[in-house]
Amino acid sequence: KKEYANYHGKPIQKKRRAMRNRARNKLGLKVGDPKEVDHIRPLSKGGSNRKTNLRAVSKTANRKKGQK
């Protein structure tokens, strides 16, 4: 409860979660699907949820992308 109140329940976090959920929906990924949505140009760097900026990749590939 405390974590939700201090972080996950904040309006900016709710908005970000909704954007991630919309991106999953656009690509047709269901709950439990092993793939994740990769924003080719990250939202944090001015990317968008346009279908041309999204691709489905494995969890390991998506999480390795940020590390270099």
C-alpha atoms as a PDB file:
ATOM      1  CA  LYS A   1       0.000   0.000   0.000  1.00  0.00           C
ATOM      2  CA  LYS A   2       2.776   2.400   0.912  1.00  0.00           C
ATOM      3  CA  GLU A   3       4.617   1.857  -2.379  1.00  0.00           C
ATOM      4  CA  TYR A   4       1.427   2.423  -4.360  1.00  0.00           C
ATOM      5  CA  ALA A   5       0.676   5.591  -2.407  1.00  0.00           C
ATOM      6  CA  ASN A   6       4.204   6.953  -2.805  1.00  0.00           C
ATOM      7  CA  TYR A   7       4.977   5.919  -6.385  1.00  0.00           C
ATOM      8  CA  HIS A   8       2.624   3.753  -8.450  1.00  0.00           C
ATOM      9  CA  GLY A   9      -0.471   5.779  -7.589  1.00  0.00           C
ATOM     10  CA  LYS A  10       0.961   9.130  -8.671  1.00  0.00           C
ATOM     11  CA  PRO A  11      -0.712  10.687 -11.728  1.00  0.00           C
ATOM     12  CA  ILE A  12       2.482  10.661 -13.841  1.00  0.00           C
ATOM     13  CA  GLN A  13       3.033   6.946 -13.145  1.00  0.00           C
ATOM     14  CA  LYS A  14      -0.573   6.122 -13.973  1.00  0.00           C
ATOM     15  CA  LYS A  15      -0.175   7.955 -17.276  1.00  0.00           C
ATOM     16  CA  ARG A  16       3.055   6.073 -18.102  1.00  0.00           C
ATOM     17  CA  ARG A  17       1.465   2.711 -17.242  1.00  0.00           C
ATOM     18  CA  ALA A  18      -1.528   3.538 -19.445  1.00  0.00           C
ATOM     19  CA  MET A  19       0.829   4.381 -22.334  1.00  0.00           C
ATOM     20  CA  ARG A  20       2.646   1.049 -21.926  1.00  0.00           C
ATOM     21  CA  ASN A  21      -0.674  -0.800 -21.854  1.00  0.00           C
ATOM     22  CA  ARG A  22      -1.862   1.011 -25.006  1.00  0.00           C
ATOM     23  CA  ALA A  23       1.364   0.044 -26.776  1.00  0.00           C
ATOM     24  CA  ARG A  24       0.866  -3.646 -25.851  1.00  0.00           C
ATOM     25  CA  ASN A  25      -2.701  -3.445 -27.098  1.00  0.00           C
ATOM     26  CA  LYS A  26      -1.655  -1.926 -30.450  1.00  0.00           C
ATOM     27  CA  LEU A  27       0.709  -4.824 -31.112  1.00  0.00           C
ATOM     28  CA  GLY A  28      -1.855  -7.396 -30.007  1.00  0.00           C
ATOM     29  CA  LEU A  29       0.221  -8.742 -27.121  1.00  0.00           C
ATOM     30  CA  LYS A  30      -1.864 -10.485 -24.490  1.00  0.00           C
ATOM     31  CA  VAL A  31      -1.302 -10.965 -20.760  1.00  0.00           C
ATOM     32  CA  GLY A  32       1.242 -13.744 -20.269  1.00  0.00           C
ATOM     33  CA  ASP A  33       2.797 -13.289 -23.711  1.00  0.00           C
ATOM     34  CA  PRO A  34       6.593 -13.752 -23.399  1.00  0.00           C
ATOM     35  CA  LYS A  35       7.243 -10.814 -25.746  1.00  0.00           C
ATOM     36  CA  GLU A  36       7.516  -7.175 -24.701  1.00  0.00           C
ATOM     37  CA  VAL A  37       6.914  -3.963 -26.617  1.00  0.00           C
ATOM     38  CA  ASP A  38      10.078  -2.149 -27.645  1.00  0.00           C
ATOM     39  CA  HIS A  39       9.788   1.530 -28.442  1.00  0.00           C
ATOM     40  CA  ILE A  40      12.370   1.998 -31.197  1.00  0.00           C
ATOM     41  CA  ARG A  41      12.768   5.622 -30.099  1.00  0.00           C
ATOM     42  CA  PRO A  42      12.092   5.602 -26.326  1.00  0.00           C
ATOM     43  CA  LEU A  43       9.231   7.626 -24.907  1.00  0.00           C
ATOM     44  CA  SER A  44      11.725   9.317 -22.581  1.00  0.00           C
ATOM     45  CA  LYS A  45      13.599  10.639 -25.615  1.00  0.00           C
ATOM     46  CA  GLY A  46      10.615  11.989 -27.499  1.00  0.00           C
ATOM     47  CA  GLY A  47       9.319   8.750 -29.000  1.00  0.00           C
ATOM     48  CA  SER A  48       5.656   7.970 -29.403  1.00  0.00           C
ATOM     49  CA  ASN A  49       3.195   5.099 -29.318  1.00  0.00           C
ATOM     50  CA  ARG A  50       2.751   5.180 -33.119  1.00  0.00           C
ATOM     51  CA  LYS A  51       2.758   1.721 -34.612  1.00  0.00           C
ATOM     52  CA  THR A  52       5.846   2.613 -36.679  1.00  0.00           C
ATOM     53  CA  ASN A  53       7.773   3.187 -33.424  1.00  0.00           C
ATOM     54  CA  LEU A  54       6.764  -0.139 -31.841  1.00  0.00           C
ATOM     55  CA  ARG A  55       8.019  -3.684 -32.246  1.00  0.00           C
ATOM     56  CA  ALA A  56       7.599  -6.900 -30.280  1.00  0.00           C
ATOM     57  CA  VAL A  57      10.850  -8.357 -28.948  1.00  0.00           C
ATOM     58  CA  SER A  58      11.828 -10.893 -26.327  1.00  0.00           C
ATOM     59  CA  LYS A  59      12.154  -9.767 -22.726  1.00  0.00           C
ATOM     60  CA  THR A  60      15.930 -10.288 -22.704  1.00  0.00           C
ATOM     61  CA  ALA A  61      16.448  -8.304 -25.913  1.00  0.00           C
ATOM     62  CA  ASN A  62      14.313  -5.408 -24.689  1.00  0.00           C
ATOM     63  CA  ARG A  63      15.999  -5.143 -21.311  1.00  0.00           C
ATOM     64  CA  LYS A  64      19.480  -5.553 -22.741  1.00  0.00           C
ATOM     65  CA  LYS A  65      18.845  -2.694 -25.178  1.00  0.00           C
ATOM     66  CA  GLY A  66      19.418   0.029 -22.562  1.00  0.00           C
ATOM     67  CA  GLN A  67      22.717  -1.438 -21.367  1.00  0.00           C
ATOM     68  CA  LYS A  68      25.797  -0.750 -23.430  1.00  0.00           C
END
